[in-house]
N, C-alpha and C. Protein backbone atom coordinates (compact mmCIF):
# COMPACT_ATOMS: atom_id res chain seq x y z
N UNK A 1 41.72 77.72 52.86
CA UNK A 1 40.45 77.76 53.59
C UNK A 1 39.43 78.57 52.81
N UNK A 2 38.20 78.08 52.78
CA UNK A 2 37.10 78.82 52.15
C UNK A 2 36.72 80.00 53.05
N UNK A 3 36.54 81.16 52.44
CA UNK A 3 36.24 82.37 53.19
C UNK A 3 34.80 82.80 52.97
N UNK A 4 34.13 83.16 54.04
CA UNK A 4 32.78 83.71 53.97
C UNK A 4 32.88 85.23 53.98
N UNK A 5 32.20 85.86 53.00
CA UNK A 5 32.24 87.32 52.86
C UNK A 5 30.81 87.87 52.89
N UNK A 6 30.28 88.17 54.07
CA UNK A 6 28.93 88.73 54.15
C UNK A 6 28.83 90.05 53.39
N UNK A 7 27.77 90.19 52.59
CA UNK A 7 27.56 91.41 51.82
C UNK A 7 26.71 92.39 52.61
N UNK A 8 27.29 93.54 52.92
CA UNK A 8 26.57 94.54 53.71
C UNK A 8 25.42 95.18 52.96
N UNK A 9 25.29 94.90 51.67
CA UNK A 9 24.14 95.38 50.92
C UNK A 9 22.83 94.91 51.54
N UNK A 10 22.88 93.75 52.18
CA UNK A 10 21.67 93.15 52.78
C UNK A 10 21.55 93.42 54.27
N UNK A 11 22.49 94.13 54.84
CA UNK A 11 22.47 94.37 56.28
C UNK A 11 21.44 95.42 56.67
N UNK A 12 21.13 95.46 57.95
CA UNK A 12 20.24 96.47 58.52
C UNK A 12 21.09 97.65 58.97
N UNK A 13 21.02 98.74 58.24
CA UNK A 13 21.90 99.86 58.54
C UNK A 13 21.49 100.62 59.79
N UNK A 14 20.33 100.34 60.35
CA UNK A 14 20.00 100.89 61.65
C UNK A 14 20.79 100.19 62.76
N UNK A 15 21.28 98.99 62.46
CA UNK A 15 22.02 98.20 63.45
C UNK A 15 23.35 97.72 62.86
N UNK A 16 23.95 98.54 62.01
CA UNK A 16 25.07 98.06 61.21
C UNK A 16 26.27 97.68 62.05
N UNK A 17 26.60 98.46 63.06
CA UNK A 17 27.77 98.13 63.87
C UNK A 17 27.59 96.80 64.57
N UNK A 18 26.43 96.59 65.15
CA UNK A 18 26.16 95.33 65.85
C UNK A 18 26.19 94.16 64.89
N UNK A 19 25.66 94.35 63.68
CA UNK A 19 25.64 93.24 62.72
C UNK A 19 27.05 92.92 62.21
N UNK A 20 27.86 93.94 62.00
CA UNK A 20 29.25 93.69 61.61
C UNK A 20 29.98 92.91 62.70
N UNK A 21 29.80 93.32 63.94
CA UNK A 21 30.46 92.62 65.04
C UNK A 21 29.96 91.19 65.16
N UNK A 22 28.68 90.99 64.88
CA UNK A 22 28.11 89.65 64.99
C UNK A 22 28.69 88.71 63.94
N UNK A 23 28.79 89.16 62.68
CA UNK A 23 29.34 88.26 61.66
C UNK A 23 30.85 88.06 61.87
N UNK A 24 31.51 89.06 62.44
CA UNK A 24 32.92 88.89 62.76
C UNK A 24 33.10 87.80 63.81
N UNK A 25 32.27 87.82 64.85
CA UNK A 25 32.32 86.76 65.86
C UNK A 25 31.92 85.41 65.27
N UNK A 26 31.08 85.45 64.23
CA UNK A 26 30.62 84.22 63.59
C UNK A 26 31.63 83.61 62.64
N UNK A 27 32.77 84.26 62.45
CA UNK A 27 33.84 83.67 61.66
C UNK A 27 34.00 84.23 60.26
N UNK A 28 33.28 85.30 59.91
CA UNK A 28 33.47 85.90 58.58
C UNK A 28 34.91 86.40 58.45
N UNK A 29 35.49 86.19 57.28
CA UNK A 29 36.86 86.66 57.05
C UNK A 29 36.90 87.98 56.28
N UNK A 30 35.94 88.20 55.40
CA UNK A 30 35.85 89.44 54.63
C UNK A 30 34.50 90.09 54.90
N UNK A 31 34.45 91.41 54.72
CA UNK A 31 33.19 92.13 54.59
C UNK A 31 33.11 92.62 53.15
N UNK A 32 32.04 92.24 52.44
CA UNK A 32 31.89 92.59 51.04
C UNK A 32 31.07 93.88 50.94
N UNK A 33 31.66 94.88 50.29
CA UNK A 33 31.06 96.21 50.20
C UNK A 33 30.74 96.53 48.75
N UNK A 34 29.45 96.55 48.42
CA UNK A 34 29.00 96.76 47.05
C UNK A 34 28.78 98.25 46.80
N UNK A 35 29.60 98.80 45.92
CA UNK A 35 29.51 100.22 45.58
C UNK A 35 28.83 100.34 44.21
N UNK A 36 27.69 101.02 44.16
CA UNK A 36 26.90 101.14 42.93
C UNK A 36 26.60 102.60 42.64
N UNK A 37 26.68 102.95 41.35
CA UNK A 37 26.59 104.36 40.98
C UNK A 37 25.30 104.75 40.24
N UNK A 38 24.40 103.80 39.99
CA UNK A 38 23.19 104.12 39.24
C UNK A 38 23.41 104.24 37.75
N UNK A 39 24.62 103.98 37.29
CA UNK A 39 24.95 104.04 35.86
C UNK A 39 25.40 102.68 35.35
N UNK A 40 26.45 102.14 35.95
CA UNK A 40 26.90 100.81 35.55
C UNK A 40 25.86 99.76 35.92
N UNK A 41 25.21 99.96 37.06
CA UNK A 41 24.10 99.11 37.49
C UNK A 41 22.93 100.01 37.89
N UNK A 42 21.70 99.49 37.83
CA UNK A 42 20.52 100.33 38.11
C UNK A 42 20.20 100.43 39.60
N UNK A 43 21.18 100.82 40.37
CA UNK A 43 20.97 100.99 41.81
C UNK A 43 22.08 101.91 42.32
N UNK A 44 21.84 102.54 43.47
CA UNK A 44 22.81 103.42 44.10
C UNK A 44 23.00 102.97 45.54
N UNK A 45 24.26 102.87 45.98
CA UNK A 45 24.48 102.48 47.37
C UNK A 45 25.26 103.58 48.11
N UNK A 46 26.57 103.41 48.23
CA UNK A 46 27.34 104.35 49.06
C UNK A 46 28.70 104.64 48.43
N UNK A 47 29.37 105.63 49.02
CA UNK A 47 30.68 106.02 48.53
C UNK A 47 31.73 105.91 49.62
N UNK A 48 32.89 106.54 49.42
CA UNK A 48 34.00 106.40 50.36
C UNK A 48 33.69 106.83 51.79
N UNK A 49 32.83 107.83 51.96
CA UNK A 49 32.52 108.32 53.32
C UNK A 49 31.93 107.20 54.17
N UNK A 50 30.99 106.44 53.63
CA UNK A 50 30.38 105.35 54.39
C UNK A 50 31.43 104.29 54.72
N UNK A 51 32.27 103.95 53.75
CA UNK A 51 33.30 102.94 53.99
C UNK A 51 34.29 103.41 55.04
N UNK A 52 34.64 104.68 55.01
CA UNK A 52 35.54 105.22 56.04
C UNK A 52 34.92 105.11 57.42
N UNK A 53 33.64 105.36 57.53
CA UNK A 53 32.96 105.25 58.82
C UNK A 53 32.85 103.79 59.26
N UNK A 54 32.56 102.90 58.31
CA UNK A 54 32.46 101.48 58.65
C UNK A 54 33.80 100.92 59.08
N UNK A 55 34.87 101.48 58.55
CA UNK A 55 36.22 101.01 58.91
C UNK A 55 36.45 101.09 60.41
N UNK A 56 35.79 102.02 61.07
CA UNK A 56 35.95 102.18 62.52
C UNK A 56 35.31 101.02 63.29
N UNK A 57 34.43 100.26 62.62
CA UNK A 57 33.68 99.21 63.29
C UNK A 57 34.35 97.85 63.24
N UNK A 58 35.36 97.68 62.38
CA UNK A 58 35.88 96.32 62.16
C UNK A 58 37.29 96.35 61.59
N UNK A 59 38.03 95.32 61.96
CA UNK A 59 39.36 95.12 61.38
C UNK A 59 39.35 94.01 60.33
N UNK A 60 38.17 93.50 59.97
CA UNK A 60 38.09 92.51 58.92
C UNK A 60 38.57 93.09 57.58
N UNK A 61 38.92 92.20 56.67
CA UNK A 61 39.29 92.63 55.32
C UNK A 61 38.08 93.27 54.66
N UNK A 62 38.24 94.49 54.16
CA UNK A 62 37.18 95.17 53.42
C UNK A 62 37.36 94.84 51.93
N UNK A 63 36.42 94.06 51.44
CA UNK A 63 36.40 93.55 50.06
C UNK A 63 35.46 94.47 49.27
N UNK A 64 36.04 95.47 48.63
CA UNK A 64 35.26 96.56 48.03
C UNK A 64 35.01 96.28 46.55
N UNK A 65 33.76 96.09 46.18
CA UNK A 65 33.34 95.70 44.83
C UNK A 65 32.73 96.92 44.14
N UNK A 66 33.48 97.50 43.20
CA UNK A 66 33.04 98.71 42.51
C UNK A 66 32.21 98.35 41.28
N UNK A 67 30.92 98.58 41.38
CA UNK A 67 30.02 98.42 40.23
C UNK A 67 29.70 99.81 39.71
N UNK A 68 30.75 100.43 39.13
CA UNK A 68 30.64 101.84 38.73
C UNK A 68 31.33 102.06 37.39
N UNK A 69 30.89 103.09 36.70
CA UNK A 69 31.58 103.54 35.50
C UNK A 69 32.87 104.27 35.88
N UNK A 70 33.84 104.22 35.01
CA UNK A 70 35.13 104.90 35.20
C UNK A 70 35.72 104.66 36.59
N UNK A 71 35.92 103.41 36.96
CA UNK A 71 36.46 103.13 38.30
C UNK A 71 37.82 103.75 38.56
N UNK A 72 38.59 103.99 37.48
CA UNK A 72 39.91 104.57 37.65
C UNK A 72 39.87 105.96 38.31
N UNK A 73 38.73 106.62 38.24
CA UNK A 73 38.60 107.94 38.86
C UNK A 73 38.47 107.88 40.38
N UNK A 74 38.13 106.71 40.92
CA UNK A 74 37.72 106.65 42.32
C UNK A 74 38.51 105.68 43.19
N UNK A 75 39.37 104.86 42.59
CA UNK A 75 40.02 103.81 43.40
C UNK A 75 40.88 104.41 44.52
N UNK A 76 41.53 105.53 44.27
CA UNK A 76 42.35 106.14 45.33
C UNK A 76 41.50 106.54 46.53
N UNK A 77 40.30 107.05 46.27
CA UNK A 77 39.41 107.45 47.36
C UNK A 77 38.98 106.25 48.18
N UNK A 78 38.68 105.15 47.52
CA UNK A 78 38.24 103.96 48.26
C UNK A 78 39.40 103.34 49.04
N UNK A 79 40.58 103.38 48.48
CA UNK A 79 41.74 102.90 49.22
C UNK A 79 41.96 103.76 50.45
N UNK A 80 41.90 105.07 50.31
CA UNK A 80 42.09 105.97 51.45
C UNK A 80 41.02 105.77 52.52
N UNK A 81 39.83 105.36 52.08
CA UNK A 81 38.73 105.14 53.01
C UNK A 81 38.88 103.84 53.80
N UNK A 82 39.77 102.95 53.35
CA UNK A 82 40.00 101.72 54.10
C UNK A 82 39.78 100.43 53.36
N UNK A 83 39.55 100.47 52.05
CA UNK A 83 39.38 99.24 51.27
C UNK A 83 40.69 98.48 51.20
N UNK A 84 40.63 97.18 51.49
CA UNK A 84 41.81 96.32 51.42
C UNK A 84 41.93 95.63 50.06
N UNK A 85 40.78 95.23 49.52
CA UNK A 85 40.71 94.65 48.17
C UNK A 85 39.80 95.56 47.35
N UNK A 86 40.26 95.97 46.18
CA UNK A 86 39.43 96.80 45.30
C UNK A 86 39.21 96.03 44.00
N UNK A 87 37.96 95.68 43.77
CA UNK A 87 37.57 94.93 42.58
C UNK A 87 36.70 95.80 41.70
N UNK A 88 37.08 95.91 40.45
CA UNK A 88 36.26 96.66 39.49
C UNK A 88 35.82 95.72 38.38
N UNK A 89 34.89 96.17 37.55
CA UNK A 89 34.36 95.31 36.50
C UNK A 89 35.17 95.44 35.22
N UNK A 90 35.48 94.29 34.65
CA UNK A 90 36.16 94.23 33.36
C UNK A 90 35.42 95.07 32.33
N UNK A 91 34.08 95.07 32.41
CA UNK A 91 33.24 95.74 31.42
C UNK A 91 33.23 97.27 31.60
N UNK A 92 33.79 97.77 32.71
CA UNK A 92 33.64 99.18 33.04
C UNK A 92 34.79 100.08 32.61
N UNK A 93 35.88 99.48 32.11
CA UNK A 93 37.03 100.30 31.74
C UNK A 93 37.78 99.66 30.59
N UNK A 94 38.34 100.46 29.67
CA UNK A 94 39.10 99.89 28.56
C UNK A 94 40.56 99.59 28.93
N UNK A 95 40.98 99.98 30.13
CA UNK A 95 42.39 99.84 30.49
C UNK A 95 42.52 99.06 31.80
N UNK A 96 42.04 97.83 31.78
CA UNK A 96 42.00 97.03 33.00
C UNK A 96 43.38 96.77 33.58
N UNK A 97 44.33 96.41 32.74
CA UNK A 97 45.67 96.07 33.25
C UNK A 97 46.32 97.27 33.93
N UNK A 98 46.15 98.43 33.33
CA UNK A 98 46.71 99.65 33.92
C UNK A 98 46.11 99.90 35.30
N UNK A 99 44.81 99.71 35.43
CA UNK A 99 44.15 99.97 36.69
C UNK A 99 44.54 98.93 37.75
N UNK A 100 44.67 97.68 37.35
CA UNK A 100 45.13 96.65 38.29
C UNK A 100 46.50 97.02 38.86
N UNK A 101 47.40 97.47 37.99
CA UNK A 101 48.73 97.86 38.41
C UNK A 101 48.66 99.03 39.39
N UNK A 102 47.79 99.99 39.10
CA UNK A 102 47.67 101.16 39.97
C UNK A 102 47.11 100.77 41.34
N UNK A 103 46.12 99.90 41.38
CA UNK A 103 45.53 99.48 42.67
C UNK A 103 46.60 98.84 43.54
N UNK A 104 47.42 98.01 42.95
CA UNK A 104 48.50 97.40 43.74
C UNK A 104 49.51 98.45 44.19
N UNK A 105 49.76 99.43 43.35
CA UNK A 105 50.73 100.48 43.68
C UNK A 105 50.29 101.27 44.90
N UNK A 106 48.98 101.47 45.07
CA UNK A 106 48.49 102.25 46.21
C UNK A 106 48.25 101.37 47.44
N UNK A 107 48.64 100.10 47.36
CA UNK A 107 48.67 99.27 48.55
C UNK A 107 47.49 98.36 48.78
N UNK A 108 46.59 98.24 47.82
CA UNK A 108 45.45 97.33 47.94
C UNK A 108 45.67 96.11 47.07
N UNK A 109 44.92 95.05 47.35
CA UNK A 109 44.87 93.93 46.43
C UNK A 109 43.92 94.28 45.29
N UNK A 110 44.22 93.76 44.10
CA UNK A 110 43.49 94.15 42.90
C UNK A 110 42.65 93.00 42.37
N UNK A 111 41.37 93.31 42.13
CA UNK A 111 40.46 92.29 41.63
C UNK A 111 39.70 92.74 40.39
N UNK A 112 39.28 91.75 39.62
CA UNK A 112 38.43 91.96 38.44
C UNK A 112 37.15 91.16 38.65
N UNK A 113 36.01 91.77 38.32
CA UNK A 113 34.72 91.08 38.31
C UNK A 113 34.23 90.97 36.87
N UNK A 114 33.52 89.88 36.60
CA UNK A 114 32.91 89.72 35.28
C UNK A 114 31.42 89.44 35.43
N UNK A 115 30.63 90.09 34.58
CA UNK A 115 29.19 89.89 34.54
C UNK A 115 28.85 88.52 33.96
N UNK A 116 27.61 88.07 34.14
CA UNK A 116 27.25 86.73 33.65
C UNK A 116 27.48 86.51 32.17
N UNK A 117 27.36 87.56 31.35
CA UNK A 117 27.51 87.36 29.90
C UNK A 117 28.96 87.48 29.41
N UNK A 118 29.89 87.83 30.31
CA UNK A 118 31.28 88.01 29.91
C UNK A 118 32.05 86.70 30.01
N UNK A 119 32.67 86.24 28.94
CA UNK A 119 33.40 84.97 28.99
C UNK A 119 34.66 85.06 29.86
N UNK A 120 34.96 84.00 30.56
CA UNK A 120 36.19 83.92 31.35
C UNK A 120 37.41 84.11 30.46
N UNK A 121 37.32 83.68 29.22
CA UNK A 121 38.47 83.76 28.31
C UNK A 121 38.94 85.19 28.07
N UNK A 122 38.10 86.17 28.33
CA UNK A 122 38.50 87.57 28.16
C UNK A 122 39.62 87.97 29.13
N UNK A 123 39.83 87.18 30.15
CA UNK A 123 40.80 87.53 31.18
C UNK A 123 42.15 86.85 31.00
N UNK A 124 42.32 86.12 29.92
CA UNK A 124 43.54 85.34 29.74
C UNK A 124 44.80 86.21 29.79
N UNK A 125 44.74 87.41 29.23
CA UNK A 125 45.92 88.26 29.15
C UNK A 125 46.21 89.03 30.44
N UNK A 126 45.26 89.04 31.39
CA UNK A 126 45.49 89.82 32.61
C UNK A 126 45.37 88.99 33.88
N UNK A 127 45.09 87.71 33.79
CA UNK A 127 44.92 86.91 35.00
C UNK A 127 46.17 86.94 35.87
N UNK A 128 47.33 87.09 35.26
CA UNK A 128 48.56 87.15 36.03
C UNK A 128 48.68 88.39 36.88
N UNK A 129 47.86 89.41 36.62
CA UNK A 129 47.89 90.66 37.38
C UNK A 129 46.83 90.69 38.49
N UNK A 130 46.10 89.60 38.67
CA UNK A 130 44.98 89.60 39.60
C UNK A 130 45.36 89.02 40.96
N UNK A 131 44.81 89.64 42.00
CA UNK A 131 44.80 89.04 43.33
C UNK A 131 43.48 88.33 43.60
N UNK A 132 42.44 88.73 42.85
CA UNK A 132 41.10 88.15 43.04
C UNK A 132 40.33 88.23 41.74
N UNK A 133 39.63 87.16 41.42
CA UNK A 133 38.72 87.13 40.27
C UNK A 133 37.32 86.84 40.79
N UNK A 134 36.40 87.75 40.51
CA UNK A 134 35.02 87.64 40.99
C UNK A 134 34.10 87.26 39.83
N UNK A 135 33.48 86.10 39.95
CA UNK A 135 32.48 85.66 38.98
C UNK A 135 31.11 86.02 39.53
N UNK A 136 30.40 86.90 38.81
CA UNK A 136 29.04 87.25 39.21
C UNK A 136 28.09 86.13 38.79
N UNK A 137 27.35 85.61 39.75
CA UNK A 137 26.40 84.55 39.47
C UNK A 137 24.96 85.05 39.42
N UNK A 138 24.82 86.38 39.42
CA UNK A 138 23.57 87.08 39.11
C UNK A 138 23.97 88.33 38.32
N UNK A 139 23.01 88.98 37.71
CA UNK A 139 23.29 90.28 37.10
C UNK A 139 23.43 91.31 38.22
N UNK A 140 24.52 92.06 38.23
CA UNK A 140 24.79 92.93 39.37
C UNK A 140 23.80 94.07 39.49
N UNK A 141 23.60 94.51 40.74
CA UNK A 141 22.75 95.66 40.99
C UNK A 141 21.82 95.52 42.17
N UNK A 142 21.37 94.30 42.44
CA UNK A 142 20.40 94.10 43.52
C UNK A 142 20.68 92.80 44.25
N UNK A 143 20.41 92.82 45.55
CA UNK A 143 20.50 91.60 46.34
C UNK A 143 19.25 90.76 46.17
N UNK A 144 19.34 89.52 46.64
CA UNK A 144 18.17 88.65 46.66
C UNK A 144 17.81 88.00 45.34
N UNK A 145 18.72 88.00 44.36
CA UNK A 145 18.42 87.40 43.06
C UNK A 145 18.71 85.90 43.07
N UNK A 146 18.20 85.24 42.04
CA UNK A 146 18.36 83.79 41.91
C UNK A 146 19.68 83.46 41.21
N UNK A 147 20.39 82.51 41.75
CA UNK A 147 21.66 82.03 41.19
C UNK A 147 21.47 81.56 39.75
N UNK A 148 22.35 82.02 38.85
CA UNK A 148 22.31 81.59 37.45
C UNK A 148 23.09 80.28 37.33
N UNK A 149 22.42 79.22 36.97
CA UNK A 149 23.00 77.87 37.04
C UNK A 149 24.28 77.72 36.22
N UNK A 150 24.35 78.39 35.06
CA UNK A 150 25.53 78.22 34.23
C UNK A 150 26.78 78.86 34.85
N UNK A 151 26.61 79.56 35.96
CA UNK A 151 27.77 80.12 36.66
C UNK A 151 28.70 79.04 37.18
N UNK A 152 28.18 77.85 37.42
CA UNK A 152 29.03 76.76 37.89
C UNK A 152 30.09 76.41 36.84
N UNK A 153 29.67 76.38 35.57
CA UNK A 153 30.62 76.10 34.50
C UNK A 153 31.66 77.22 34.39
N UNK A 154 31.23 78.47 34.60
CA UNK A 154 32.17 79.59 34.55
C UNK A 154 33.18 79.50 35.70
N UNK A 155 32.71 79.10 36.86
CA UNK A 155 33.62 78.94 37.99
C UNK A 155 34.66 77.86 37.69
N UNK A 156 34.23 76.76 37.12
CA UNK A 156 35.18 75.70 36.79
C UNK A 156 36.20 76.19 35.76
N UNK A 157 35.74 76.96 34.79
CA UNK A 157 36.65 77.51 33.78
C UNK A 157 37.62 78.49 34.41
N UNK A 158 37.10 79.35 35.29
CA UNK A 158 37.96 80.32 35.97
C UNK A 158 38.98 79.61 36.86
N UNK A 159 38.55 78.55 37.53
CA UNK A 159 39.46 77.78 38.38
C UNK A 159 40.63 77.22 37.55
N UNK A 160 40.32 76.69 36.38
CA UNK A 160 41.35 76.14 35.51
C UNK A 160 42.32 77.21 35.06
N UNK A 161 41.78 78.39 34.69
CA UNK A 161 42.63 79.49 34.24
C UNK A 161 43.56 79.95 35.36
N UNK A 162 43.01 80.10 36.56
CA UNK A 162 43.82 80.54 37.70
C UNK A 162 44.89 79.51 38.03
N UNK A 163 44.51 78.25 38.09
CA UNK A 163 45.47 77.21 38.44
C UNK A 163 46.62 77.14 37.44
N UNK A 164 46.32 77.42 36.19
CA UNK A 164 47.35 77.34 35.15
C UNK A 164 48.24 78.58 35.10
N UNK A 165 47.70 79.73 35.48
CA UNK A 165 48.42 80.99 35.23
C UNK A 165 48.77 81.80 36.46
N UNK A 166 47.99 81.66 37.56
CA UNK A 166 48.22 82.50 38.73
C UNK A 166 47.57 81.85 39.96
N UNK A 167 48.14 80.77 40.48
CA UNK A 167 47.51 80.04 41.58
C UNK A 167 47.29 80.86 42.85
N UNK A 168 48.00 81.97 43.00
CA UNK A 168 47.83 82.81 44.19
C UNK A 168 46.54 83.63 44.15
N UNK A 169 45.94 83.76 42.98
CA UNK A 169 44.71 84.54 42.82
C UNK A 169 43.54 83.82 43.48
N UNK A 170 42.74 84.55 44.24
CA UNK A 170 41.54 83.97 44.85
C UNK A 170 40.38 84.03 43.86
N UNK A 171 39.54 83.01 43.91
CA UNK A 171 38.34 82.96 43.08
C UNK A 171 37.12 83.20 43.97
N UNK A 172 36.39 84.26 43.66
CA UNK A 172 35.24 84.68 44.44
C UNK A 172 33.98 84.53 43.60
N UNK A 173 32.85 84.26 44.27
CA UNK A 173 31.56 84.17 43.59
C UNK A 173 30.54 84.98 44.38
N UNK A 174 29.63 85.64 43.66
CA UNK A 174 28.69 86.56 44.30
C UNK A 174 27.34 86.49 43.60
N UNK A 175 26.31 86.12 44.38
CA UNK A 175 24.94 86.20 43.87
C UNK A 175 24.13 84.94 44.02
N UNK A 176 23.08 84.99 44.83
CA UNK A 176 22.14 83.88 44.92
C UNK A 176 22.67 82.64 45.60
N UNK A 177 23.60 82.80 46.52
CA UNK A 177 24.20 81.64 47.17
C UNK A 177 23.63 81.44 48.56
N UNK A 178 23.29 80.19 48.85
CA UNK A 178 22.72 79.84 50.14
C UNK A 178 22.98 78.38 50.45
N UNK A 179 22.24 77.88 51.40
CA UNK A 179 22.45 76.50 51.86
C UNK A 179 22.28 75.49 50.73
N UNK A 180 21.41 75.81 49.77
CA UNK A 180 21.08 74.86 48.70
C UNK A 180 22.18 74.71 47.66
N UNK A 181 23.11 75.67 47.58
CA UNK A 181 24.11 75.57 46.51
C UNK A 181 25.53 75.94 46.93
N UNK A 182 25.78 76.23 48.19
CA UNK A 182 27.12 76.65 48.59
C UNK A 182 28.15 75.56 48.37
N UNK A 183 27.76 74.31 48.59
CA UNK A 183 28.72 73.22 48.36
C UNK A 183 29.06 73.11 46.87
N UNK A 184 28.08 73.37 46.02
CA UNK A 184 28.32 73.27 44.57
C UNK A 184 29.32 74.32 44.09
N UNK A 185 29.19 75.55 44.59
CA UNK A 185 30.11 76.59 44.11
C UNK A 185 31.52 76.34 44.63
N UNK A 186 31.62 75.79 45.82
CA UNK A 186 32.95 75.44 46.34
C UNK A 186 33.54 74.29 45.55
N UNK A 187 32.72 73.29 45.23
CA UNK A 187 33.20 72.17 44.42
C UNK A 187 33.65 72.63 43.04
N UNK A 188 33.05 73.71 42.54
CA UNK A 188 33.43 74.25 41.23
C UNK A 188 34.69 75.09 41.29
N UNK A 189 35.20 75.37 42.50
CA UNK A 189 36.47 76.05 42.62
C UNK A 189 36.48 77.36 43.37
N UNK A 190 35.31 77.86 43.81
CA UNK A 190 35.26 79.15 44.50
C UNK A 190 35.92 79.04 45.88
N UNK A 191 36.63 80.09 46.25
CA UNK A 191 37.30 80.14 47.55
C UNK A 191 36.73 81.22 48.48
N UNK A 192 36.15 82.27 47.89
CA UNK A 192 35.53 83.35 48.67
C UNK A 192 34.06 83.39 48.28
N UNK A 193 33.18 83.22 49.27
CA UNK A 193 31.74 83.10 49.01
C UNK A 193 31.04 84.33 49.56
N UNK A 194 30.50 85.15 48.64
CA UNK A 194 29.76 86.34 49.04
C UNK A 194 28.30 85.95 49.25
N UNK A 195 27.78 86.32 50.42
CA UNK A 195 26.37 86.03 50.72
C UNK A 195 25.75 87.23 51.45
N UNK A 196 24.57 87.63 50.99
CA UNK A 196 23.88 88.74 51.60
C UNK A 196 22.66 88.30 52.37
N UNK A 197 21.56 88.04 51.66
CA UNK A 197 20.32 87.66 52.31
C UNK A 197 20.45 86.39 53.13
N UNK A 198 21.27 85.45 52.67
CA UNK A 198 21.41 84.19 53.39
C UNK A 198 22.02 84.38 54.77
N UNK A 199 22.68 85.51 54.97
CA UNK A 199 23.25 85.81 56.29
C UNK A 199 22.45 86.86 57.03
N UNK A 200 22.18 87.99 56.38
CA UNK A 200 21.57 89.11 57.10
C UNK A 200 20.05 89.04 57.20
N UNK A 201 19.42 88.28 56.34
CA UNK A 201 17.97 88.11 56.46
C UNK A 201 17.65 86.89 57.32
N UNK A 202 18.37 86.78 58.40
CA UNK A 202 18.15 85.72 59.39
C UNK A 202 18.13 86.39 60.76
N UNK A 203 17.57 85.72 61.77
CA UNK A 203 17.52 86.34 63.10
C UNK A 203 18.89 86.61 63.70
N UNK A 204 19.88 85.76 63.35
CA UNK A 204 21.20 85.88 63.95
C UNK A 204 22.28 85.71 62.88
N UNK A 205 22.73 86.81 62.25
CA UNK A 205 23.71 86.72 61.17
C UNK A 205 24.99 85.98 61.55
N UNK A 206 25.44 86.16 62.78
CA UNK A 206 26.66 85.47 63.20
C UNK A 206 26.48 83.96 63.21
N UNK A 207 25.32 83.51 63.66
CA UNK A 207 25.04 82.07 63.65
C UNK A 207 24.92 81.55 62.23
N UNK A 208 24.41 82.38 61.33
CA UNK A 208 24.34 81.97 59.92
C UNK A 208 25.74 81.76 59.36
N UNK A 209 26.68 82.65 59.70
CA UNK A 209 28.07 82.46 59.25
C UNK A 209 28.63 81.15 59.77
N UNK A 210 28.38 80.86 61.04
CA UNK A 210 28.87 79.62 61.62
C UNK A 210 28.26 78.41 60.92
N UNK A 211 26.98 78.51 60.59
CA UNK A 211 26.31 77.39 59.92
C UNK A 211 26.94 77.10 58.57
N UNK A 212 27.20 78.15 57.80
CA UNK A 212 27.79 77.94 56.47
C UNK A 212 29.22 77.41 56.58
N UNK A 213 29.96 77.89 57.55
CA UNK A 213 31.31 77.38 57.75
C UNK A 213 31.27 75.90 58.12
N UNK A 214 30.30 75.53 58.95
CA UNK A 214 30.17 74.13 59.35
C UNK A 214 29.77 73.25 58.17
N UNK A 215 28.88 73.77 57.30
CA UNK A 215 28.49 73.02 56.11
C UNK A 215 29.70 72.72 55.24
N UNK A 216 30.56 73.72 55.07
CA UNK A 216 31.73 73.53 54.24
C UNK A 216 32.75 72.61 54.88
N UNK A 217 32.90 72.73 56.20
CA UNK A 217 33.82 71.85 56.90
C UNK A 217 33.34 70.41 56.81
N UNK A 218 32.02 70.21 56.92
CA UNK A 218 31.45 68.87 56.82
C UNK A 218 31.62 68.27 55.45
N UNK A 219 31.69 69.15 54.44
CA UNK A 219 31.86 68.67 53.06
C UNK A 219 33.32 68.51 52.70
N UNK A 220 34.22 68.82 53.66
CA UNK A 220 35.65 68.68 53.40
C UNK A 220 36.20 69.78 52.53
N UNK A 221 35.53 70.97 52.52
CA UNK A 221 35.98 72.08 51.65
C UNK A 221 37.11 72.82 52.35
N UNK A 222 38.30 72.70 51.79
CA UNK A 222 39.47 73.41 52.31
C UNK A 222 40.41 73.75 51.16
């Protein structure tokens, strides 16, 4: 089943509990939590304290995306705060395989994200250690960006790599996805669809989740 993962980066934090509950009722399977440090990406968001507090609001899977330098220093804190999936960037550490192993050891699922300029082929030696592979379809750091068209080819390449080496790994895509292209990214092989503005910049985020699920069901995406 294709999973919708609303990105809380685009949520209204004055009404965060209500919005989380609304997307949960709307059928979201994951909550995508973008952690930014102002170094790896030119923006700052939140740390483990916020995630620990948000954990009280929902039992959904917390899909924690670390856009930070030296992620190995912080993964234990995010796991303790309630992260179920911890994804770090291939570009952010020289010891990706070691960190993937450690994330699994502390009880979370382990993911790798790649920036738009990073080839999928760089993951050939570690794809077997992944629970999730995240293809960034925008340059990370800010919500509301335009989908990079060549990301479709990267998704197809990633799909082939996963199918050949680790079929249990989920393929996730993040950035610039909405009604105009959600079917395309699913057709290219994505299974987890991260969406921020397309869900939270609407009058009713829960209804937006239902709409996207219906679009995918109508297209036979399963």
